[in-house]
Amino acid sequence: KRQKVPLKPGHTLADWANLSNKANDLIGQNATLQKVTYEELQKHKSEDDCWLIFNGQVYDVTQYLDYHPGGIPKLMAYAGKDATKMFFATHSWVNGAWMLRKCLIGPFDPTSIPQSILDQQPQQNQATATPDSATATNTTSNSSEEPKS
């Protein structure tokens, strides 16, 4: 069951939508996308710098954390990991890619995952493996859903 947490004043999803609509770029990249390796993804796993994978794309969700209706810990559980499977299981009707469009870093490079991580995922096709063995999903999908709350 989805659980919502109280959000700070001015941090509703409507406030996030307004912020996203007004801003050109919420992460300071000025629309310059970069391919993200596993090593780079692992450098961004704190509340001050939080990246995750959604549908094969890497998003910097740092600014979104305070707006997430499920609370910061729900997103932090996927910092440096693939949140796609969890997102679709929790709210498949939400267009996550649109919601986080101003937080897009770029595509994740699944070929950059170290063999030791891939070895922890024996049942998964290694061409589509992700850094989260517990919730591994196809990172090459082009669906337009959003990270889970």
N, C-alpha and C. Protein backbone atom coordinates (compact mmCIF):
# COMPACT_ATOMS: atom_id res chain seq x y z
N LYS A 1 0.83 -1.18 0.00
CA LYS A 1 0.00 0.00 0.00
C LYS A 1 0.88 1.25 0.00
N ARG A 2 0.50 2.21 -0.81
CA ARG A 2 1.22 3.48 -0.88
C ARG A 2 0.92 4.30 0.36
N GLN A 3 1.94 4.86 0.93
CA GLN A 3 1.76 5.74 2.07
C GLN A 3 2.32 7.11 1.72
N LYS A 4 1.52 8.14 1.99
CA LYS A 4 1.98 9.50 1.77
C LYS A 4 2.45 10.08 3.09
N VAL A 5 3.38 11.00 2.99
CA VAL A 5 3.90 11.67 4.17
C VAL A 5 3.56 13.16 4.08
N PRO A 6 3.50 13.84 5.22
CA PRO A 6 3.26 15.29 5.17
C PRO A 6 4.43 15.98 4.47
N LEU A 7 4.11 16.86 3.57
CA LEU A 7 5.13 17.61 2.85
C LEU A 7 5.27 19.01 3.44
N LYS A 8 6.44 19.60 3.27
CA LYS A 8 6.66 20.97 3.71
C LYS A 8 5.72 21.90 2.95
N PRO A 9 5.31 23.01 3.56
CA PRO A 9 4.50 23.98 2.81
C PRO A 9 5.21 24.39 1.52
N GLY A 10 4.45 24.48 0.45
CA GLY A 10 5.02 24.85 -0.84
C GLY A 10 5.73 23.72 -1.55
N HIS A 11 5.51 22.47 -1.10
CA HIS A 11 6.18 21.32 -1.70
C HIS A 11 5.20 20.23 -2.14
N THR A 12 4.06 20.64 -2.65
CA THR A 12 3.10 19.68 -3.18
C THR A 12 3.51 19.32 -4.61
N LEU A 13 2.84 18.32 -5.18
CA LEU A 13 3.12 17.98 -6.57
C LEU A 13 2.74 19.13 -7.50
N ALA A 14 1.70 19.88 -7.14
CA ALA A 14 1.34 21.06 -7.93
C ALA A 14 2.46 22.09 -7.89
N ASP A 15 3.09 22.26 -6.73
CA ASP A 15 4.22 23.18 -6.62
C ASP A 15 5.38 22.70 -7.48
N TRP A 16 5.62 21.39 -7.48
CA TRP A 16 6.69 20.83 -8.32
C TRP A 16 6.38 21.08 -9.80
N ALA A 17 5.13 20.87 -10.19
CA ALA A 17 4.75 21.10 -11.59
C ALA A 17 4.98 22.56 -11.96
N ASN A 18 4.61 23.48 -11.08
CA ASN A 18 4.83 24.90 -11.35
C ASN A 18 6.31 25.22 -11.49
N LEU A 19 7.12 24.68 -10.58
CA LEU A 19 8.56 24.89 -10.65
C LEU A 19 9.13 24.33 -11.94
N SER A 20 8.72 23.13 -12.29
CA SER A 20 9.20 22.48 -13.52
C SER A 20 8.79 23.27 -14.76
N ASN A 21 7.59 23.79 -14.76
CA ASN A 21 7.11 24.54 -15.93
C ASN A 21 7.83 25.87 -16.10
N LYS A 22 8.24 26.47 -15.00
CA LYS A 22 8.91 27.78 -15.06
C LYS A 22 10.40 27.66 -15.34
N ALA A 23 11.01 26.59 -14.90
CA ALA A 23 12.47 26.45 -15.02
C ALA A 23 12.85 25.86 -16.36
N ASN A 24 13.95 26.32 -16.90
CA ASN A 24 14.49 25.71 -18.11
C ASN A 24 15.26 24.45 -17.77
N ASP A 25 15.88 24.45 -16.60
CA ASP A 25 16.78 23.37 -16.21
C ASP A 25 16.87 23.39 -14.69
N LEU A 26 16.53 22.28 -14.05
CA LEU A 26 16.58 22.22 -12.59
C LEU A 26 17.87 21.63 -12.05
N ILE A 27 18.78 21.26 -12.92
CA ILE A 27 20.00 20.61 -12.45
C ILE A 27 21.28 21.29 -12.95
N GLY A 28 21.14 22.38 -13.66
CA GLY A 28 22.31 23.13 -14.09
C GLY A 28 23.07 22.58 -15.27
N GLN A 29 22.43 21.75 -16.08
CA GLN A 29 23.10 21.17 -17.25
C GLN A 29 22.82 21.91 -18.53
N ASN A 30 21.84 22.80 -18.51
CA ASN A 30 21.47 23.54 -19.71
C ASN A 30 21.21 22.63 -20.90
N ALA A 31 20.48 21.55 -20.65
CA ALA A 31 20.02 20.61 -21.68
C ALA A 31 21.15 19.84 -22.37
N THR A 32 22.33 19.81 -21.79
CA THR A 32 23.43 19.02 -22.33
C THR A 32 23.37 17.64 -21.69
N LEU A 33 22.88 16.66 -22.44
CA LEU A 33 22.75 15.32 -21.89
C LEU A 33 24.09 14.59 -21.96
N GLN A 34 24.32 13.75 -20.96
CA GLN A 34 25.55 12.96 -20.94
C GLN A 34 25.20 11.50 -20.67
N LYS A 35 25.95 10.60 -21.29
CA LYS A 35 25.81 9.18 -21.01
C LYS A 35 26.40 8.92 -19.63
N VAL A 36 25.66 8.21 -18.78
CA VAL A 36 26.08 8.00 -17.40
C VAL A 36 26.53 6.56 -17.19
N THR A 37 27.73 6.41 -16.65
CA THR A 37 28.26 5.09 -16.36
C THR A 37 27.85 4.67 -14.94
N TYR A 38 28.00 3.39 -14.68
CA TYR A 38 27.73 2.86 -13.34
C TYR A 38 28.60 3.58 -12.31
N GLU A 39 29.88 3.75 -12.63
CA GLU A 39 30.81 4.40 -11.69
C GLU A 39 30.34 5.82 -11.35
N GLU A 40 29.92 6.56 -12.34
CA GLU A 40 29.44 7.93 -12.11
C GLU A 40 28.14 7.91 -11.29
N LEU A 41 27.24 7.03 -11.61
CA LEU A 41 25.98 6.92 -10.88
C LEU A 41 26.20 6.69 -9.39
N GLN A 42 27.21 5.89 -9.07
CA GLN A 42 27.49 5.56 -7.67
C GLN A 42 28.02 6.74 -6.87
N LYS A 43 28.43 7.81 -7.53
CA LYS A 43 28.93 9.00 -6.84
C LYS A 43 27.80 9.90 -6.34
N HIS A 44 26.56 9.56 -6.70
CA HIS A 44 25.42 10.46 -6.43
C HIS A 44 24.35 9.72 -5.64
N LYS A 45 24.65 9.43 -4.38
CA LYS A 45 23.73 8.62 -3.58
C LYS A 45 23.44 9.25 -2.22
N SER A 46 23.43 10.58 -2.16
CA SER A 46 23.13 11.26 -0.90
C SER A 46 21.93 12.18 -1.09
N GLU A 47 21.37 12.65 0.01
CA GLU A 47 20.24 13.57 -0.08
C GLU A 47 20.65 14.90 -0.70
N ASP A 48 21.93 15.21 -0.68
CA ASP A 48 22.43 16.45 -1.28
C ASP A 48 22.78 16.28 -2.75
N ASP A 49 22.76 15.04 -3.23
CA ASP A 49 23.17 14.75 -4.60
C ASP A 49 22.65 13.36 -4.95
N CYS A 50 21.42 13.28 -5.42
CA CYS A 50 20.74 11.99 -5.59
C CYS A 50 20.34 11.74 -7.04
N TRP A 51 20.98 10.73 -7.64
CA TRP A 51 20.65 10.31 -9.00
C TRP A 51 20.06 8.92 -8.95
N LEU A 52 19.14 8.64 -9.87
CA LEU A 52 18.60 7.30 -10.02
C LEU A 52 18.26 7.05 -11.48
N ILE A 53 18.06 5.78 -11.79
CA ILE A 53 17.69 5.38 -13.15
C ILE A 53 16.19 5.19 -13.21
N PHE A 54 15.60 5.70 -14.26
CA PHE A 54 14.20 5.44 -14.55
C PHE A 54 14.07 5.23 -16.05
N ASN A 55 13.62 4.05 -16.42
CA ASN A 55 13.43 3.72 -17.84
C ASN A 55 14.68 3.93 -18.69
N GLY A 56 15.82 3.55 -18.13
CA GLY A 56 17.06 3.63 -18.89
C GLY A 56 17.69 5.01 -18.92
N GLN A 57 17.06 5.98 -18.27
CA GLN A 57 17.57 7.34 -18.21
C GLN A 57 17.97 7.66 -16.77
N VAL A 58 18.98 8.47 -16.60
CA VAL A 58 19.43 8.87 -15.27
C VAL A 58 18.89 10.27 -14.99
N TYR A 59 18.30 10.40 -13.80
CA TYR A 59 17.73 11.67 -13.36
C TYR A 59 18.40 12.11 -12.06
N ASP A 60 18.65 13.40 -11.95
CA ASP A 60 19.12 13.99 -10.70
C ASP A 60 17.86 14.43 -9.96
N VAL A 61 17.43 13.63 -8.99
CA VAL A 61 16.18 13.89 -8.27
C VAL A 61 16.40 14.66 -6.97
N THR A 62 17.58 15.23 -6.80
CA THR A 62 17.90 15.95 -5.57
C THR A 62 16.84 17.00 -5.24
N GLN A 63 16.51 17.84 -6.19
CA GLN A 63 15.53 18.89 -5.93
C GLN A 63 14.11 18.34 -5.75
N TYR A 64 13.84 17.19 -6.31
CA TYR A 64 12.50 16.59 -6.21
C TYR A 64 12.25 15.90 -4.87
N LEU A 65 13.30 15.54 -4.15
CA LEU A 65 13.15 14.76 -2.92
C LEU A 65 12.10 15.34 -1.98
N ASP A 66 12.13 16.63 -1.72
CA ASP A 66 11.18 17.25 -0.79
C ASP A 66 9.75 17.30 -1.32
N TYR A 67 9.56 17.04 -2.60
CA TYR A 67 8.23 17.08 -3.21
C TYR A 67 7.61 15.68 -3.31
N HIS A 68 8.39 14.66 -3.04
CA HIS A 68 7.93 13.29 -3.24
C HIS A 68 6.88 12.92 -2.19
N PRO A 69 5.67 12.59 -2.62
CA PRO A 69 4.58 12.31 -1.66
C PRO A 69 4.85 11.12 -0.75
N GLY A 70 5.70 10.21 -1.16
CA GLY A 70 6.02 9.05 -0.33
C GLY A 70 7.16 9.31 0.66
N GLY A 71 7.75 10.49 0.57
CA GLY A 71 8.83 10.86 1.47
C GLY A 71 10.20 10.63 0.88
N ILE A 72 11.15 11.30 1.45
CA ILE A 72 12.54 11.22 0.99
C ILE A 72 13.10 9.80 1.09
N PRO A 73 12.86 9.06 2.18
CA PRO A 73 13.45 7.71 2.28
C PRO A 73 13.05 6.77 1.14
N LYS A 74 11.84 6.93 0.61
CA LYS A 74 11.40 6.06 -0.49
C LYS A 74 12.27 6.26 -1.72
N LEU A 75 12.59 7.50 -2.05
CA LEU A 75 13.46 7.75 -3.20
C LEU A 75 14.91 7.42 -2.88
N MET A 76 15.34 7.71 -1.67
CA MET A 76 16.74 7.44 -1.31
C MET A 76 17.05 5.95 -1.35
N ALA A 77 16.06 5.12 -1.19
CA ALA A 77 16.28 3.68 -1.29
C ALA A 77 16.75 3.29 -2.69
N TYR A 78 16.52 4.16 -3.68
CA TYR A 78 16.91 3.88 -5.06
C TYR A 78 18.02 4.81 -5.55
N ALA A 79 18.64 5.55 -4.67
CA ALA A 79 19.76 6.41 -5.05
C ALA A 79 20.87 5.54 -5.63
N GLY A 80 21.31 5.87 -6.83
CA GLY A 80 22.35 5.09 -7.49
C GLY A 80 21.87 3.78 -8.05
N LYS A 81 20.55 3.60 -8.13
CA LYS A 81 19.96 2.34 -8.58
C LYS A 81 18.86 2.60 -9.61
N ASP A 82 18.29 1.52 -10.08
CA ASP A 82 17.19 1.59 -11.03
C ASP A 82 15.86 1.56 -10.28
N ALA A 83 15.08 2.61 -10.39
CA ALA A 83 13.79 2.72 -9.71
C ALA A 83 12.62 2.35 -10.62
N THR A 84 12.88 1.91 -11.82
CA THR A 84 11.82 1.67 -12.80
C THR A 84 10.78 0.66 -12.32
N LYS A 85 11.23 -0.50 -11.91
CA LYS A 85 10.29 -1.56 -11.51
C LYS A 85 9.43 -1.10 -10.33
N MET A 86 10.06 -0.49 -9.34
CA MET A 86 9.33 -0.01 -8.18
C MET A 86 8.34 1.08 -8.58
N PHE A 87 8.76 1.95 -9.45
CA PHE A 87 7.88 3.03 -9.90
C PHE A 87 6.61 2.48 -10.55
N PHE A 88 6.78 1.58 -11.50
CA PHE A 88 5.63 1.04 -12.21
C PHE A 88 4.73 0.21 -11.30
N ALA A 89 5.31 -0.46 -10.32
CA ALA A 89 4.51 -1.23 -9.37
C ALA A 89 3.69 -0.33 -8.47
N THR A 90 4.19 0.87 -8.19
CA THR A 90 3.52 1.78 -7.27
C THR A 90 2.56 2.73 -7.95
N HIS A 91 2.96 3.33 -9.05
CA HIS A 91 2.06 4.26 -9.76
C HIS A 91 2.34 4.28 -11.25
N SER A 92 1.84 3.25 -11.87
CA SER A 92 2.07 3.09 -13.31
C SER A 92 1.33 4.13 -14.15
N TRP A 93 0.37 4.81 -13.60
CA TRP A 93 -0.41 5.80 -14.33
C TRP A 93 0.29 7.16 -14.42
N VAL A 94 1.38 7.34 -13.66
CA VAL A 94 2.08 8.62 -13.62
C VAL A 94 3.13 8.67 -14.72
N ASN A 95 3.22 9.80 -15.39
CA ASN A 95 4.24 9.98 -16.42
C ASN A 95 5.50 10.54 -15.76
N GLY A 96 6.34 9.64 -15.26
CA GLY A 96 7.53 10.03 -14.54
C GLY A 96 8.55 10.76 -15.39
N ALA A 97 8.70 10.35 -16.62
CA ALA A 97 9.67 11.00 -17.50
C ALA A 97 9.28 12.46 -17.72
N TRP A 98 7.99 12.73 -17.88
CA TRP A 98 7.55 14.11 -18.04
C TRP A 98 7.73 14.89 -16.74
N MET A 99 7.38 14.26 -15.64
CA MET A 99 7.45 14.92 -14.35
C MET A 99 8.89 15.31 -13.99
N LEU A 100 9.85 14.50 -14.39
CA LEU A 100 11.25 14.76 -14.07
C LEU A 100 12.06 15.27 -15.26
N ARG A 101 11.38 15.70 -16.30
CA ARG A 101 12.04 16.08 -17.55
C ARG A 101 13.13 17.14 -17.36
N LYS A 102 12.99 18.02 -16.40
CA LYS A 102 13.99 19.08 -16.17
C LYS A 102 15.12 18.60 -15.27
N CYS A 103 15.08 17.31 -14.90
CA CYS A 103 16.11 16.71 -14.04
C CYS A 103 16.90 15.64 -14.78
N LEU A 104 16.69 15.52 -16.07
CA LEU A 104 17.33 14.48 -16.86
C LEU A 104 18.82 14.75 -17.03
N ILE A 105 19.63 13.76 -16.66
CA ILE A 105 21.08 13.82 -16.86
C ILE A 105 21.42 13.23 -18.22
N GLY A 106 20.84 12.05 -18.52
CA GLY A 106 21.10 11.39 -19.79
C GLY A 106 20.91 9.90 -19.67
N PRO A 107 21.18 9.16 -20.75
CA PRO A 107 20.98 7.71 -20.74
C PRO A 107 22.00 6.99 -19.86
N PHE A 108 21.55 5.91 -19.24
CA PHE A 108 22.45 5.06 -18.46
C PHE A 108 23.14 4.10 -19.40
N ASP A 109 24.43 3.86 -19.18
CA ASP A 109 25.21 2.93 -19.99
C ASP A 109 25.28 1.58 -19.27
N PRO A 110 24.39 0.63 -19.61
CA PRO A 110 24.39 -0.66 -18.91
C PRO A 110 25.65 -1.47 -19.17
N THR A 111 26.40 -1.15 -20.21
CA THR A 111 27.64 -1.88 -20.47
C THR A 111 28.74 -1.49 -19.49
N SER A 112 28.50 -0.45 -18.70
CA SER A 112 29.52 0.00 -17.74
C SER A 112 29.40 -0.67 -16.37
N ILE A 113 28.40 -1.52 -16.20
CA ILE A 113 28.23 -2.20 -14.92
C ILE A 113 29.34 -3.23 -14.75
N PRO A 114 30.06 -3.16 -13.62
CA PRO A 114 31.15 -4.12 -13.41
C PRO A 114 30.65 -5.57 -13.39
N GLN A 115 31.51 -6.46 -13.83
CA GLN A 115 31.15 -7.88 -13.89
C GLN A 115 30.74 -8.40 -12.51
N SER A 116 31.38 -7.90 -11.46
CA SER A 116 31.04 -8.37 -10.11
C SER A 116 29.59 -8.06 -9.75
N ILE A 117 29.06 -6.96 -10.25
CA ILE A 117 27.66 -6.61 -10.01
C ILE A 117 26.77 -7.50 -10.87
N LEU A 118 27.17 -7.70 -12.11
CA LEU A 118 26.40 -8.56 -13.01
C LEU A 118 26.33 -9.99 -12.48
N ASP A 119 27.40 -10.44 -11.87
CA ASP A 119 27.44 -11.80 -11.32
C ASP A 119 26.44 -11.99 -10.18
N GLN A 120 26.04 -10.91 -9.55
CA GLN A 120 25.05 -10.97 -8.47
C GLN A 120 23.63 -11.10 -9.03
N GLN A 121 23.48 -11.04 -10.35
CA GLN A 121 22.18 -11.09 -11.01
C GLN A 121 22.12 -12.29 -11.96
N PRO A 122 22.20 -13.52 -11.44
CA PRO A 122 22.34 -14.70 -12.30
C PRO A 122 21.16 -14.96 -13.21
N GLN A 123 19.97 -14.55 -12.84
CA GLN A 123 18.79 -14.84 -13.65
C GLN A 123 18.52 -13.78 -14.71
N GLN A 124 19.22 -12.68 -14.68
CA GLN A 124 18.92 -11.56 -15.55
C GLN A 124 19.78 -11.55 -16.80
N ASN A 125 19.18 -11.12 -17.90
CA ASN A 125 19.93 -10.92 -19.13
C ASN A 125 20.95 -9.81 -18.87
N GLN A 126 22.23 -10.11 -19.01
CA GLN A 126 23.25 -9.15 -18.65
C GLN A 126 23.28 -7.93 -19.55
N ALA A 127 22.70 -8.00 -20.71
CA ALA A 127 22.67 -6.83 -21.58
C ALA A 127 21.72 -5.77 -21.05
N THR A 128 20.77 -6.19 -20.22
CA THR A 128 19.80 -5.22 -19.69
C THR A 128 19.88 -5.10 -18.18
N ALA A 129 20.92 -5.63 -17.57
CA ALA A 129 21.06 -5.55 -16.11
C ALA A 129 21.25 -4.11 -15.66
N THR A 130 20.85 -3.86 -14.42
CA THR A 130 21.00 -2.54 -13.83
C THR A 130 21.71 -2.66 -12.51
N PRO A 131 22.10 -1.54 -11.92
CA PRO A 131 22.84 -1.58 -10.68
C PRO A 131 22.05 -2.01 -9.46
N ASP A 132 20.79 -2.34 -9.61
CA ASP A 132 20.00 -2.74 -8.47
C ASP A 132 19.52 -4.16 -8.67
N SER A 133 20.23 -5.12 -8.12
CA SER A 133 19.90 -6.52 -8.35
C SER A 133 18.54 -6.89 -7.77
N ALA A 134 18.08 -6.17 -6.76
CA ALA A 134 16.79 -6.49 -6.15
C ALA A 134 15.63 -6.04 -7.01
N THR A 135 15.84 -5.01 -7.82
CA THR A 135 14.75 -4.47 -8.63
C THR A 135 15.17 -4.30 -10.07
N ALA A 136 16.07 -5.13 -10.53
CA ALA A 136 16.60 -4.98 -11.88
C ALA A 136 15.48 -5.05 -12.91
N THR A 137 15.57 -4.13 -13.86
CA THR A 137 14.60 -4.08 -14.95
C THR A 137 15.33 -3.74 -16.23
N ASN A 138 14.62 -3.78 -17.31
CA ASN A 138 15.21 -3.44 -18.58
C ASN A 138 15.48 -1.94 -18.62
N THR A 139 16.74 -1.54 -18.69
CA THR A 139 17.08 -0.13 -18.69
C THR A 139 17.08 0.47 -20.09
N THR A 140 16.70 -0.29 -21.06
CA THR A 140 16.67 0.25 -22.41
C THR A 140 15.26 0.56 -22.88
N SER A 141 14.29 0.41 -22.00
CA SER A 141 12.90 0.69 -22.35
C SER A 141 12.72 2.17 -22.64
N ASN A 142 11.75 2.50 -23.47
CA ASN A 142 11.47 3.89 -23.78
C ASN A 142 10.12 4.34 -23.24
N SER A 143 9.55 3.63 -22.29
CA SER A 143 8.27 4.02 -21.73
C SER A 143 8.39 5.37 -21.05
N SER A 144 7.30 6.10 -20.95
CA SER A 144 7.35 7.46 -20.40
C SER A 144 6.70 7.53 -19.03
N GLU A 145 7.08 6.67 -18.13
CA GLU A 145 6.56 6.70 -16.78
C GLU A 145 7.57 7.34 -15.84
N GLU A 146 7.17 7.65 -14.61
CA GLU A 146 8.00 8.38 -13.65
C GLU A 146 8.45 7.53 -12.47
N PRO A 147 9.49 7.96 -11.78
CA PRO A 147 9.97 7.25 -10.59
C PRO A 147 8.88 7.13 -9.56
N LYS A 148 8.88 6.07 -8.85
CA LYS A 148 7.81 5.76 -7.90
C LYS A 148 7.87 6.60 -6.66
N SER A 149 6.72 6.75 -6.08
CA SER A 149 6.62 7.45 -4.80
C SER A 149 6.47 6.45 -3.70
